[in-house]
Amino acid sequence: MQPDEFEAFQDRREAGRALARQVAARLEEVDGAGRPLVLALPRGGLPIGQEIATRVDGELDIAVARKIGLPDQPEFGIGAVTADGPPLFNEAVLRQVGLTESDLVPHVAREREEARRRLRRYRHDRELPRIADRTVIVADDGLATGVTAMAALREVRAKGPRQLMFAAPVCAREATQLLLREADTVLCVHVPERFSAVGAWYHDFEQLSDDEVEAALAEA
């Protein structure tokens, strides 16, 4: 599909269904894939993950990673952190903006605590599903800089999946290539020539609440 022919997704549900078709086709090519585990990145990745899990009869759960943004531009991700793993930074961007990892220690601590809060709230007492020797799909509603997805993928990879995929409806081209260092497969419905914000590719990009995330997981 050419960029000028692409119509923005109506919402995450529509995007998730389009992506789920690609995931299903890819899984048909994987020998012995078994029942896949779909790990959605909350909050926005939950509707995407739900559509994928429904299409491929997958088990749905979450993987939590938090973006570390520039101090004066928090939406621009220069790093990411999970609940327990070491922080991951884009070293080239750090050099460009004149920051060091030490400068971002308070930001790392804040985002790590938020990752832990989300895990406590969304998972409650449930343990993480088995990852070892399974086909695992990490899903989000879009891929911009790629650093948050990379942190999540590294944490999942450490648990020994048989096949690790990342899937998002819309992806920045450079980030897509970056993630191929971490995932066996990266699936995107649309990789525009000129990427702005993820929300620009959705007519309805309303943020989800914690309650909506919990409801989605309870339904699963």
C-alpha atoms as a PDB file:
ATOM      1  CA  MET A   1       0.000   0.000   0.000  1.00  0.00           C
ATOM      2  CA  GLN A   2       1.427   3.356  -1.005  1.00  0.00           C
ATOM      3  CA  PRO A   3       1.527   6.143   1.621  1.00  0.00           C
ATOM      4  CA  ASP A   4      -0.718   8.497  -0.362  1.00  0.00           C
ATOM      5  CA  GLU A   5      -3.327   5.732  -0.660  1.00  0.00           C
ATOM      6  CA  PHE A   6      -3.477   5.056   3.077  1.00  0.00           C
ATOM      7  CA  GLU A   7      -6.552   6.150   4.987  1.00  0.00           C
ATOM      8  CA  ALA A   8      -6.084   6.621   8.727  1.00  0.00           C
ATOM      9  CA  PHE A   9      -7.592   3.935  10.935  1.00  0.00           C
ATOM     10  CA  GLN A  10     -10.952   4.791  12.448  1.00  0.00           C
ATOM     11  CA  ASP A  11      -9.842   3.553  15.862  1.00  0.00           C
ATOM     12  CA  ARG A  12      -7.644   0.950  17.558  1.00  0.00           C
ATOM     13  CA  ARG A  13     -10.212  -1.792  16.993  1.00  0.00           C
ATOM     14  CA  GLU A  14     -10.160  -1.343  13.238  1.00  0.00           C
ATOM     15  CA  ALA A  15      -6.368  -1.135  13.289  1.00  0.00           C
ATOM     16  CA  GLY A  16      -6.146  -4.248  15.428  1.00  0.00           C
ATOM     17  CA  ARG A  17      -8.300  -6.250  13.040  1.00  0.00           C
ATOM     18  CA  ALA A  18      -6.157  -5.251  10.073  1.00  0.00           C
ATOM     19  CA  LEU A  19      -3.003  -6.166  11.969  1.00  0.00           C
ATOM     20  CA  ALA A  20      -4.501  -9.437  13.216  1.00  0.00           C
ATOM     21  CA  ARG A  21      -4.921 -10.616   9.623  1.00  0.00           C
ATOM     22  CA  GLN A  22      -1.194 -10.134   9.048  1.00  0.00           C
ATOM     23  CA  VAL A  23      -0.311 -11.899  12.285  1.00  0.00           C
ATOM     24  CA  ALA A  24      -2.549 -14.853  11.424  1.00  0.00           C
ATOM     25  CA  ALA A  25      -0.954 -15.182   7.986  1.00  0.00           C
ATOM     26  CA  ARG A  26       2.530 -15.069   9.504  1.00  0.00           C
ATOM     27  CA  LEU A  27       1.700 -17.697  12.114  1.00  0.00           C
ATOM     28  CA  GLU A  28       0.619 -20.062   9.349  1.00  0.00           C
ATOM     29  CA  GLU A  29       4.236 -19.965   8.162  1.00  0.00           C
ATOM     30  CA  VAL A  30       5.680 -20.820  11.591  1.00  0.00           C
ATOM     31  CA  ASP A  31       6.170 -24.542  12.139  1.00  0.00           C
ATOM     32  CA  GLY A  32       4.832 -25.772  15.464  1.00  0.00           C
ATOM     33  CA  ALA A  33       3.714 -22.312  16.577  1.00  0.00           C
ATOM     34  CA  GLY A  34       1.263 -23.752  19.099  1.00  0.00           C
ATOM     35  CA  ARG A  35      -1.124 -21.426  20.914  1.00  0.00           C
ATOM     36  CA  PRO A  36       0.526 -17.977  20.817  1.00  0.00           C
ATOM     37  CA  LEU A  37       0.843 -15.607  23.739  1.00  0.00           C
ATOM     38  CA  VAL A  38      -0.107 -12.008  22.920  1.00  0.00           C
ATOM     39  CA  LEU A  39       1.493  -9.452  25.231  1.00  0.00           C
ATOM     40  CA  ALA A  40      -0.062  -6.022  24.766  1.00  0.00           C
ATOM     41  CA  LEU A  41       1.681  -2.830  25.856  1.00  0.00           C
ATOM     42  CA  PRO A  42      -0.826  -0.908  27.996  1.00  0.00           C
ATOM     43  CA  ARG A  43      -2.668   1.137  27.721  1.00  0.00           C
ATOM     44  CA  GLY A  44      -3.083   1.752  23.987  1.00  0.00           C
ATOM     45  CA  GLY A  45      -1.902  -1.681  22.935  1.00  0.00           C
ATOM     46  CA  LEU A  46      -4.733  -3.515  24.708  1.00  0.00           C
ATOM     47  CA  PRO A  47      -7.394  -3.162  21.978  1.00  0.00           C
ATOM     48  CA  ILE A  48      -4.764  -4.153  19.418  1.00  0.00           C
ATOM     49  CA  GLY A  49      -3.776  -7.192  21.451  1.00  0.00           C
ATOM     50  CA  GLN A  50      -7.415  -8.190  21.972  1.00  0.00           C
ATOM     51  CA  GLU A  51      -8.082  -8.251  18.235  1.00  0.00           C
ATOM     52  CA  ILE A  52      -4.947 -10.295  17.574  1.00  0.00           C
ATOM     53  CA  ALA A  53      -5.671 -12.780  20.361  1.00  0.00           C
ATOM     54  CA  THR A  54      -9.247 -13.223  19.126  1.00  0.00           C
ATOM     55  CA  ARG A  55      -8.129 -13.829  15.536  1.00  0.00           C
ATOM     56  CA  VAL A  56      -5.383 -16.343  16.358  1.00  0.00           C
ATOM     57  CA  ASP A  57      -6.984 -17.915  19.464  1.00  0.00           C
ATOM     58  CA  GLY A  58      -4.102 -16.583  21.521  1.00  0.00           C
ATOM     59  CA  GLU A  59      -3.667 -16.067  25.237  1.00  0.00           C
ATOM     60  CA  LEU A  60      -3.777 -12.356  26.111  1.00  0.00           C
ATOM     61  CA  ASP A  61      -1.702 -10.652  28.772  1.00  0.00           C
ATOM     62  CA  ILE A  62       0.457  -7.541  29.154  1.00  0.00           C
ATOM     63  CA  ALA A  63       4.088  -6.494  28.927  1.00  0.00           C
ATOM     64  CA  VAL A  64       4.817  -3.160  30.610  1.00  0.00           C
ATOM     65  CA  ALA A  65       7.582  -0.802  29.542  1.00  0.00           C
ATOM     66  CA  ARG A  66       7.657   2.935  30.173  1.00  0.00           C
ATOM     67  CA  LYS A  67       9.089   5.604  27.948  1.00  0.00           C
ATOM     68  CA  ILE A  68      11.722   7.975  29.315  1.00  0.00           C
ATOM     69  CA  GLY A  69      11.273  11.284  27.533  1.00  0.00           C
ATOM     70  CA  LEU A  70      13.381  14.365  27.196  1.00  0.00           C
ATOM     71  CA  PRO A  71      12.998  16.485  30.357  1.00  0.00           C
ATOM     72  CA  ASP A  72      11.607  19.423  28.345  1.00  0.00           C
ATOM     73  CA  GLN A  73       9.845  17.257  25.741  1.00  0.00           C
ATOM     74  CA  PRO A  74       8.460  14.193  27.547  1.00  0.00           C
ATOM     75  CA  GLU A  75       6.662  12.782  24.509  1.00  0.00           C
ATOM     76  CA  PHE A  76       9.974  12.297  22.692  1.00  0.00           C
ATOM     77  CA  GLY A  77      11.335   8.967  23.874  1.00  0.00           C
ATOM     78  CA  ILE A  78      15.070   8.766  24.442  1.00  0.00           C
ATOM     79  CA  GLY A  79      14.914   5.693  26.668  1.00  0.00           C
ATOM     80  CA  ALA A  80      12.659   3.178  28.336  1.00  0.00           C
ATOM     81  CA  VAL A  81      12.507   1.028  31.423  1.00  0.00           C
ATOM     82  CA  THR A  82      10.583  -2.021  32.607  1.00  0.00           C
ATOM     83  CA  ALA A  83       9.572  -2.873  36.155  1.00  0.00           C
ATOM     84  CA  ASP A  84      12.793  -4.729  36.896  1.00  0.00           C
ATOM     85  CA  GLY A  85      15.249  -4.575  33.996  1.00  0.00           C
ATOM     86  CA  PRO A  86      18.009  -2.018  33.426  1.00  0.00           C
ATOM     87  CA  PRO A  87      17.048   1.181  31.585  1.00  0.00           C
ATOM     88  CA  LEU A  88      17.621   1.299  27.851  1.00  0.00           C
ATOM     89  CA  PHE A  89      18.741   4.542  26.185  1.00  0.00           C
ATOM     90  CA  ASN A  90      19.241   5.832  22.676  1.00  0.00           C
ATOM     91  CA  GLU A  91      22.875   6.783  23.148  1.00  0.00           C
ATOM     92  CA  ALA A  92      23.069   8.781  19.921  1.00  0.00           C
ATOM     93  CA  VAL A  93      20.183  11.017  20.967  1.00  0.00           C
ATOM     94  CA  LEU A  94      21.659  11.459  24.452  1.00  0.00           C
ATOM     95  CA  ARG A  95      24.854  12.756  22.878  1.00  0.00           C
ATOM     96  CA  GLN A  96      22.929  15.069  20.564  1.00  0.00           C
ATOM     97  CA  VAL A  97      21.019  16.698  23.423  1.00  0.00           C
ATOM     98  CA  GLY A  98      23.969  16.800  25.805  1.00  0.00           C
ATOM     99  CA  LEU A  99      22.545  14.485  28.480  1.00  0.00           C
ATOM    100  CA  THR A 100      24.000  11.524  30.327  1.00  0.00           C
ATOM    101  CA  GLU A 101      22.282   8.550  31.879  1.00  0.00           C
ATOM    102  CA  SER A 102      23.064  10.028  35.298  1.00  0.00           C
ATOM    103  CA  ASP A 103      21.044  13.122  34.407  1.00  0.00           C
ATOM    104  CA  LEU A 104      17.985  10.932  33.908  1.00  0.00           C
ATOM    105  CA  VAL A 105      18.130   8.873  37.111  1.00  0.00           C
ATOM    106  CA  PRO A 106      15.059  10.602  38.635  1.00  0.00           C
ATOM    107  CA  HIS A 107      13.097  10.086  35.407  1.00  0.00           C
ATOM    108  CA  VAL A 108      14.066   6.401  35.326  1.00  0.00           C
ATOM    109  CA  ALA A 109      12.961   5.925  38.933  1.00  0.00           C
ATOM    110  CA  ARG A 110       9.611   7.604  38.283  1.00  0.00           C
ATOM    111  CA  GLU A 111       8.844   5.553  35.175  1.00  0.00           C
ATOM    112  CA  ARG A 112       9.979   2.308  36.790  1.00  0.00           C
ATOM    113  CA  GLU A 113       7.591   2.912  39.663  1.00  0.00           C
ATOM    114  CA  GLU A 114       4.777   3.593  37.191  1.00  0.00           C
ATOM    115  CA  ALA A 115       5.584   0.315  35.408  1.00  0.00           C
ATOM    116  CA  ARG A 116       5.368  -1.504  38.738  1.00  0.00           C
ATOM    117  CA  ARG A 117       2.098   0.232  39.607  1.00  0.00           C
ATOM    118  CA  ARG A 118       0.562  -0.847  36.320  1.00  0.00           C
ATOM    119  CA  LEU A 119       1.655  -4.439  36.778  1.00  0.00           C
ATOM    120  CA  ARG A 120       0.182  -4.515  40.273  1.00  0.00           C
ATOM    121  CA  ARG A 121      -3.095  -2.997  39.160  1.00  0.00           C
ATOM    122  CA  TYR A 122      -3.572  -4.866  35.890  1.00  0.00           C
ATOM    123  CA  ARG A 123      -2.276  -8.292  36.847  1.00  0.00           C
ATOM    124  CA  HIS A 124      -3.200  -8.347  40.561  1.00  0.00           C
ATOM    125  CA  ASP A 125      -2.009 -11.713  41.865  1.00  0.00           C
ATOM    126  CA  ARG A 126      -1.850 -13.446  38.504  1.00  0.00           C
ATOM    127  CA  GLU A 127       1.551 -14.699  37.481  1.00  0.00           C
ATOM    128  CA  LEU A 128       2.995 -13.940  34.065  1.00  0.00           C
ATOM    129  CA  PRO A 129       2.002 -16.694  31.629  1.00  0.00           C
ATOM    130  CA  ARG A 130       4.700 -19.106  30.544  1.00  0.00           C
ATOM    131  CA  ILE A 131       6.904 -17.576  27.849  1.00  0.00           C
ATOM    132  CA  ALA A 132       9.629 -20.207  27.451  1.00  0.00           C
ATOM    133  CA  ASP A 133       9.444 -22.130  24.153  1.00  0.00           C
ATOM    134  CA  ARG A 134       6.257 -20.345  23.032  1.00  0.00           C
ATOM    135  CA  THR A 135       5.427 -18.073  20.130  1.00  0.00           C
ATOM    136  CA  VAL A 136       5.039 -14.621  21.694  1.00  0.00           C
ATOM    137  CA  ILE A 137       3.619 -11.521  20.008  1.00  0.00           C
ATOM    138  CA  VAL A 138       4.275  -8.137  21.626  1.00  0.00           C
ATOM    139  CA  ALA A 139       1.660  -5.678  20.377  1.00  0.00           C
ATOM    140  CA  ASP A 140       1.174  -1.918  20.549  1.00  0.00           C
ATOM    141  CA  ASP A 141      -0.929   0.720  18.789  1.00  0.00           C
ATOM    142  CA  GLY A 142       2.078   2.213  16.991  1.00  0.00           C
ATOM    143  CA  LEU A 143       5.849   2.350  16.746  1.00  0.00           C
ATOM    144  CA  ALA A 144       7.543   5.753  16.805  1.00  0.00           C
ATOM    145  CA  THR A 145      11.118   5.819  18.143  1.00  0.00           C
ATOM    146  CA  GLY A 146      10.994   2.126  19.036  1.00  0.00           C
ATOM    147  CA  VAL A 147      12.799   2.426  22.361  1.00  0.00           C
ATOM    148  CA  THR A 148       9.821   1.407  24.535  1.00  0.00           C
ATOM    149  CA  ALA A 149       9.071  -1.601  22.366  1.00  0.00           C
ATOM    150  CA  MET A 150      12.737  -2.564  22.446  1.00  0.00           C
ATOM    151  CA  ALA A 151      12.804  -2.564  26.257  1.00  0.00           C
ATOM    152  CA  ALA A 152       9.712  -4.775  26.350  1.00  0.00           C
ATOM    153  CA  LEU A 153      11.127  -7.157  23.750  1.00  0.00           C
ATOM    154  CA  ARG A 154      14.413  -7.544  25.602  1.00  0.00           C
ATOM    155  CA  GLU A 155      12.605  -8.451  28.790  1.00  0.00           C
ATOM    156  CA  VAL A 156      10.488 -11.033  26.970  1.00  0.00           C
ATOM    157  CA  ARG A 157      13.476 -12.435  25.050  1.00  0.00           C
ATOM    158  CA  ALA A 158      15.287 -13.108  28.331  1.00  0.00           C
ATOM    159  CA  LYS A 159      12.512 -15.578  29.227  1.00  0.00           C
ATOM    160  CA  GLY A 160      13.259 -17.819  26.240  1.00  0.00           C
ATOM    161  CA  PRO A 161      10.388 -17.626  23.719  1.00  0.00           C
ATOM    162  CA  ARG A 162      10.542 -19.994  20.762  1.00  0.00           C
ATOM    163  CA  GLN A 163       9.547 -17.192  18.367  1.00  0.00           C
ATOM    164  CA  LEU A 164       9.277 -13.508  19.245  1.00  0.00           C
ATOM    165  CA  MET A 165       7.251 -11.088  17.135  1.00  0.00           C
ATOM    166  CA  PHE A 166       6.417  -7.424  17.417  1.00  0.00           C
ATOM    167  CA  ALA A 167       3.242  -6.116  15.794  1.00  0.00           C
ATOM    168  CA  ALA A 168       1.776  -2.620  15.435  1.00  0.00           C
ATOM    169  CA  PRO A 169      -0.659  -1.086  12.939  1.00  0.00           C
ATOM    170  CA  VAL A 170       1.592   1.851  12.006  1.00  0.00           C
ATOM    171  CA  CYS A 171       5.381   2.009  12.315  1.00  0.00           C
ATOM    172  CA  ALA A 172       8.163   4.473  11.635  1.00  0.00           C
ATOM    173  CA  ARG A 173      10.528   2.960   9.077  1.00  0.00           C
ATOM    174  CA  GLU A 174      13.729   3.519  11.057  1.00  0.00           C
ATOM    175  CA  ALA A 175      12.229   2.052  14.236  1.00  0.00           C
ATOM    176  CA  THR A 176      11.021  -0.993  12.325  1.00  0.00           C
ATOM    177  CA  GLN A 177      14.574  -1.762  11.245  1.00  0.00           C
ATOM    178  CA  LEU A 178      15.804  -1.151  14.781  1.00  0.00           C
ATOM    179  CA  LEU A 179      13.409  -3.693  16.259  1.00  0.00           C
ATOM    180  CA  LEU A 180      14.625  -6.432  13.935  1.00  0.00           C
ATOM    181  CA  ARG A 181      17.629  -6.622  16.254  1.00  0.00           C
ATOM    182  CA  GLU A 182      15.316  -7.718  19.062  1.00  0.00           C
ATOM    183  CA  ALA A 183      12.381  -9.543  17.430  1.00  0.00           C
ATOM    184  CA  ASP A 184      12.400 -12.406  14.948  1.00  0.00           C
ATOM    185  CA  THR A 185       9.604 -10.707  13.022  1.00  0.00           C
ATOM    186  CA  VAL A 186       8.219  -7.153  12.931  1.00  0.00           C
ATOM    187  CA  LEU A 187       4.731  -6.797  11.447  1.00  0.00           C
ATOM    188  CA  CYS A 188       3.195  -3.435  10.491  1.00  0.00           C
ATOM    189  CA  VAL A 189       0.111  -2.656   8.444  1.00  0.00           C
ATOM    190  CA  HIS A 190       1.500   0.691   7.371  1.00  0.00           C
ATOM    191  CA  VAL A 191       5.052   2.066   7.287  1.00  0.00           C
ATOM    192  CA  PRO A 192       4.633   5.649   6.017  1.00  0.00           C
ATOM    193  CA  GLU A 193       7.363   7.492   4.184  1.00  0.00           C
ATOM    194  CA  ARG A 194       6.860  10.463   6.495  1.00  0.00           C
ATOM    195  CA  PHE A 195       6.054   9.511  10.055  1.00  0.00           C
ATOM    196  CA  SER A 196       4.786  12.042  12.579  1.00  0.00           C
ATOM    197  CA  ALA A 197       3.032  10.960  15.771  1.00  0.00           C
ATOM    198  CA  VAL A 198       1.262   7.621  16.139  1.00  0.00           C
ATOM    199  CA  GLY A 199      -2.017   9.418  16.832  1.00  0.00           C
ATOM    200  CA  ALA A 200      -1.888  11.085  13.423  1.00  0.00           C
ATOM    201  CA  TRP A 201      -2.802   7.738  11.857  1.00  0.00           C
ATOM    202  CA  TYR A 202      -6.027   7.345  13.836  1.00  0.00           C
ATOM    203  CA  HIS A 203      -9.268   9.308  13.609  1.00  0.00           C
ATOM    204  CA  ASP A 204     -10.101   8.279  17.181  1.00  0.00           C
ATOM    205  CA  PHE A 205      -7.009   8.043  19.394  1.00  0.00           C
ATOM    206  CA  GLU A 206      -8.672   8.546  22.766  1.00  0.00           C
ATOM    207  CA  GLN A 207      -6.509   7.334  25.627  1.00  0.00           C
ATOM    208  CA  LEU A 208      -7.640   4.290  27.603  1.00  0.00           C
ATOM    209  CA  SER A 209      -8.142   4.343  31.353  1.00  0.00           C
ATOM    210  CA  ASP A 210      -6.825   1.853  33.894  1.00  0.00           C
ATOM    211  CA  ASP A 211     -10.391   0.578  34.317  1.00  0.00           C
ATOM    212  CA  GLU A 212     -10.662  -0.170  30.584  1.00  0.00           C
ATOM    213  CA  VAL A 213      -7.385  -2.084  30.647  1.00  0.00           C
ATOM    214  CA  GLU A 214      -8.551  -4.155  33.620  1.00  0.00           C
ATOM    215  CA  ALA A 215     -11.864  -4.864  31.906  1.00  0.00           C
ATOM    216  CA  ALA A 216     -10.119  -6.042  28.755  1.00  0.00           C
ATOM    217  CA  LEU A 217      -7.884  -8.412  30.697  1.00  0.00           C
ATOM    218  CA  ALA A 218     -10.810  -9.693  32.752  1.00  0.00           C
ATOM    219  CA  GLU A 219     -12.717 -10.409  29.558  1.00  0.00           C
ATOM    220  CA  ALA A 220      -9.743 -12.323  28.185  1.00  0.00           C
END
